[in-house]
């Protein structure tokens, strides 16, 4: 694959996601690897007194990078928003209570791969925006027709899988200033 093909692919994903630039499109071998890359990039911006908020029903790929930052002393805490085990829905009030002025990132799944629950993404991202935090959406298990207006939030990171010719690759849209 040559560089021109890669650039054209990034432009196509930019158009699909309504991203501000093809420079913020990153592809990789999996969502998990892209999330670790994102966590490494964000580690330059987070403070030791800041926190990350995720949900209890998130996929391993969306949870595992953040405790690693905590273990390394780069964030103070990883907070887990509860979900109701009876109906599988996110406890939005609990999630909102975990976000404060020291929250640097709110990372959620669009649809839980384990139980199929849908996260109220616009509401959650508004909480992040109000706190001045980054928002991340793991859209791997979302309907392929789902599109999100990326420019509506403080900074958003979006990750999904693309399957083509039996090849699966993670694709992420990230604020180009992070890299």
Protein backbone atom coordinates (compact mmCIF):
# COMPACT_ATOMS: atom_id res chain seq x y z
CA UNK A 1 0.00 0.00 0.00
CA UNK A 2 1.44 3.37 -0.95
CA UNK A 3 1.18 6.69 0.87
CA UNK A 4 -1.35 8.09 -1.63
CA UNK A 5 -3.75 5.22 -0.91
CA UNK A 6 -3.42 5.77 2.84
CA UNK A 7 -4.11 9.50 2.49
CA UNK A 8 -7.16 8.85 0.28
CA UNK A 9 -8.44 6.37 2.87
CA UNK A 10 -8.02 8.91 5.66
CA UNK A 11 -9.90 11.51 3.58
CA UNK A 12 -12.76 9.05 3.03
CA UNK A 13 -13.02 8.37 6.78
CA UNK A 14 -12.82 12.13 7.43
CA UNK A 15 -15.85 12.62 5.17
CA UNK A 16 -17.73 9.70 6.74
CA UNK A 17 -17.26 11.08 10.25
CA UNK A 18 -17.53 14.76 9.38
CA UNK A 19 -14.10 15.17 10.97
CA UNK A 20 -12.31 18.52 10.69
CA UNK A 21 -9.27 17.08 8.89
CA UNK A 22 -7.81 13.84 7.57
CA UNK A 23 -4.86 14.58 9.85
CA UNK A 24 -6.93 13.47 12.82
CA UNK A 25 -7.74 10.05 11.37
CA UNK A 26 -5.59 7.25 12.76
CA UNK A 27 -5.80 3.60 11.83
CA UNK A 28 -4.33 0.61 13.60
CA UNK A 29 -4.59 -3.11 14.08
CA UNK A 30 -7.34 -2.98 16.74
CA UNK A 31 -9.44 -0.71 18.92
CA UNK A 32 -7.48 -1.91 21.95
CA UNK A 33 -4.13 -0.88 20.47
CA UNK A 34 -5.53 2.49 19.37
CA UNK A 35 -6.85 3.15 22.87
CA UNK A 36 -3.47 2.42 24.40
CA UNK A 37 -1.90 4.82 21.87
CA UNK A 38 -4.50 7.42 22.84
CA UNK A 39 -3.77 6.93 26.54
CA UNK A 40 -0.04 7.40 25.89
CA UNK A 41 -0.74 10.58 23.93
CA UNK A 42 -3.06 11.93 26.62
CA UNK A 43 -0.56 11.10 29.35
CA UNK A 44 1.34 14.21 28.24
CA UNK A 45 -1.69 16.36 29.09
CA UNK A 46 -3.18 14.79 32.20
CA UNK A 47 -2.20 15.81 35.69
CA UNK A 48 -1.51 13.62 38.68
CA UNK A 49 -4.49 15.15 40.44
CA UNK A 50 -6.94 14.43 37.56
CA UNK A 51 -9.28 11.51 36.93
CA UNK A 52 -10.80 9.46 34.12
CA UNK A 53 -14.43 8.28 34.10
CA UNK A 54 -15.55 5.06 32.37
CA UNK A 55 -18.55 2.77 32.79
CA UNK A 56 -18.79 -0.66 34.38
CA UNK A 57 -20.21 -2.08 31.16
CA UNK A 58 -17.42 -0.92 28.88
CA UNK A 59 -15.37 -3.31 26.77
CA UNK A 60 -11.88 -4.27 27.97
CA UNK A 61 -10.39 -2.09 25.22
CA UNK A 62 -12.00 1.01 26.72
CA UNK A 63 -11.15 0.21 30.34
CA UNK A 64 -7.64 -1.25 30.30
CA UNK A 65 -5.59 1.82 29.22
CA UNK A 66 -6.81 4.08 32.00
CA UNK A 67 -5.83 2.03 35.10
CA UNK A 68 -2.41 1.76 33.45
CA UNK A 69 -2.14 5.56 33.61
CA UNK A 70 -3.22 5.42 37.25
CA UNK A 71 -0.68 2.66 38.01
CA UNK A 72 2.05 4.83 36.49
CA UNK A 73 0.98 7.80 38.65
CA UNK A 74 -0.18 9.88 35.69
CA UNK A 75 -3.80 10.20 36.86
CA UNK A 76 -5.09 10.06 40.39
CA UNK A 77 -8.13 7.90 39.84
CA UNK A 78 -10.19 5.90 37.37
CA UNK A 79 -13.87 6.16 38.28
CA UNK A 80 -16.44 3.59 37.19
CA UNK A 81 -20.06 4.64 36.58
CA UNK A 82 -22.56 1.97 37.59
CA UNK A 83 -25.24 0.37 35.50
CA UNK A 84 -28.50 -1.20 36.63
CA UNK A 85 -28.05 -5.00 36.42
CA UNK A 86 -31.81 -5.52 36.15
CA UNK A 87 -32.31 -3.56 32.94
CA UNK A 88 -28.69 -3.11 31.83
CA UNK A 89 -28.99 0.67 31.55
CA UNK A 90 -26.28 3.11 32.55
CA UNK A 91 -26.97 4.97 35.78
CA UNK A 92 -26.63 8.41 34.20
CA UNK A 93 -26.98 10.14 37.56
CA UNK A 94 -24.08 8.13 38.97
CA UNK A 95 -21.96 8.93 35.92
CA UNK A 96 -22.76 12.64 36.22
CA UNK A 97 -21.81 12.58 39.93
CA UNK A 98 -18.36 11.16 39.09
CA UNK A 99 -17.47 13.97 36.67
CA UNK A 100 -15.97 17.05 38.28
CA UNK A 101 -13.52 19.83 37.53
CA UNK A 102 -10.63 17.35 37.84
CA UNK A 103 -12.06 14.97 35.21
CA UNK A 104 -9.78 14.94 32.18
CA UNK A 105 -11.54 12.26 30.12
CA UNK A 106 -14.96 10.63 29.98
CA UNK A 107 -14.66 7.41 27.98
CA UNK A 108 -17.79 5.41 27.17
CA UNK A 109 -18.94 2.70 24.84
CA UNK A 110 -21.78 3.46 22.45
CA UNK A 111 -23.21 -0.03 22.89
CA UNK A 112 -22.03 -2.54 25.47
CA UNK A 113 -20.61 -5.60 23.76
CA UNK A 114 -21.56 -7.75 26.76
CA UNK A 115 -25.19 -6.80 27.37
CA UNK A 116 -26.19 -4.68 24.38
CA UNK A 117 -27.14 -1.57 26.35
CA UNK A 118 -26.96 1.74 24.53
CA UNK A 119 -25.24 4.67 26.17
CA UNK A 120 -27.00 8.05 25.91
CA UNK A 121 -23.95 9.50 24.18
CA UNK A 122 -25.12 13.10 23.62
CA UNK A 123 -26.07 13.45 27.30
CA UNK A 124 -22.80 11.91 28.51
CA UNK A 125 -20.74 14.08 26.17
CA UNK A 126 -22.57 17.17 27.41
CA UNK A 127 -21.44 16.28 30.95
CA UNK A 128 -17.86 16.03 29.67
CA UNK A 129 -18.14 19.31 27.78
CA UNK A 130 -19.56 21.09 30.83
CA UNK A 131 -16.58 19.87 32.88
CA UNK A 132 -14.06 20.84 30.18
CA UNK A 133 -13.06 17.17 29.79
CA UNK A 134 -12.23 15.21 26.67
CA UNK A 135 -14.87 12.75 25.50
CA UNK A 136 -14.16 9.36 23.97
CA UNK A 137 -16.66 7.09 22.23
CA UNK A 138 -15.89 3.41 21.69
CA UNK A 139 -18.21 2.85 18.72
CA UNK A 140 -16.96 -0.64 17.84
CA UNK A 141 -20.32 -2.25 18.62
CA UNK A 142 -22.55 0.50 17.27
CA UNK A 143 -24.67 0.34 14.16
CA UNK A 144 -22.61 1.10 11.06
CA UNK A 145 -24.97 3.90 10.06
CA UNK A 146 -24.26 5.85 13.25
CA UNK A 147 -22.65 9.20 12.56
CA UNK A 148 -21.61 11.77 15.11
CA UNK A 149 -20.93 15.42 14.51
CA UNK A 150 -17.38 15.63 15.80
CA UNK A 151 -17.11 19.37 15.97
CA UNK A 152 -19.81 19.71 18.66
CA UNK A 153 -17.58 18.80 21.59
CA UNK A 154 -14.52 20.16 23.37
CA UNK A 155 -12.39 17.39 21.87
CA UNK A 156 -13.66 13.97 20.97
CA UNK A 157 -11.99 10.72 20.20
CA UNK A 158 -13.96 8.14 18.28
CA UNK A 159 -12.97 4.56 17.62
CA UNK A 160 -14.61 1.90 15.49
CA UNK A 161 -13.72 -1.19 13.53
CA UNK A 162 -13.76 -1.43 9.78
CA UNK A 163 -14.03 -4.81 8.12
CA UNK A 164 -12.98 -5.13 4.51
CA UNK A 165 -11.81 -8.18 2.58
CA UNK A 166 -11.66 -10.14 5.87
CA UNK A 167 -9.28 -7.59 7.38
CA UNK A 168 -10.31 -5.87 10.58
CA UNK A 169 -8.66 -2.59 11.49
CA UNK A 170 -9.32 -0.04 14.18
CA UNK A 171 -9.95 3.48 12.97
CA UNK A 172 -9.95 6.45 15.26
CA UNK A 173 -10.65 10.12 14.90
CA UNK A 174 -8.72 12.23 17.32
CA UNK A 175 -8.02 15.86 17.92
CA UNK A 176 -4.92 16.42 15.78
CA UNK A 177 -3.40 18.70 18.46
CA UNK A 178 -2.96 15.66 20.71
CA UNK A 179 -0.35 14.13 18.41
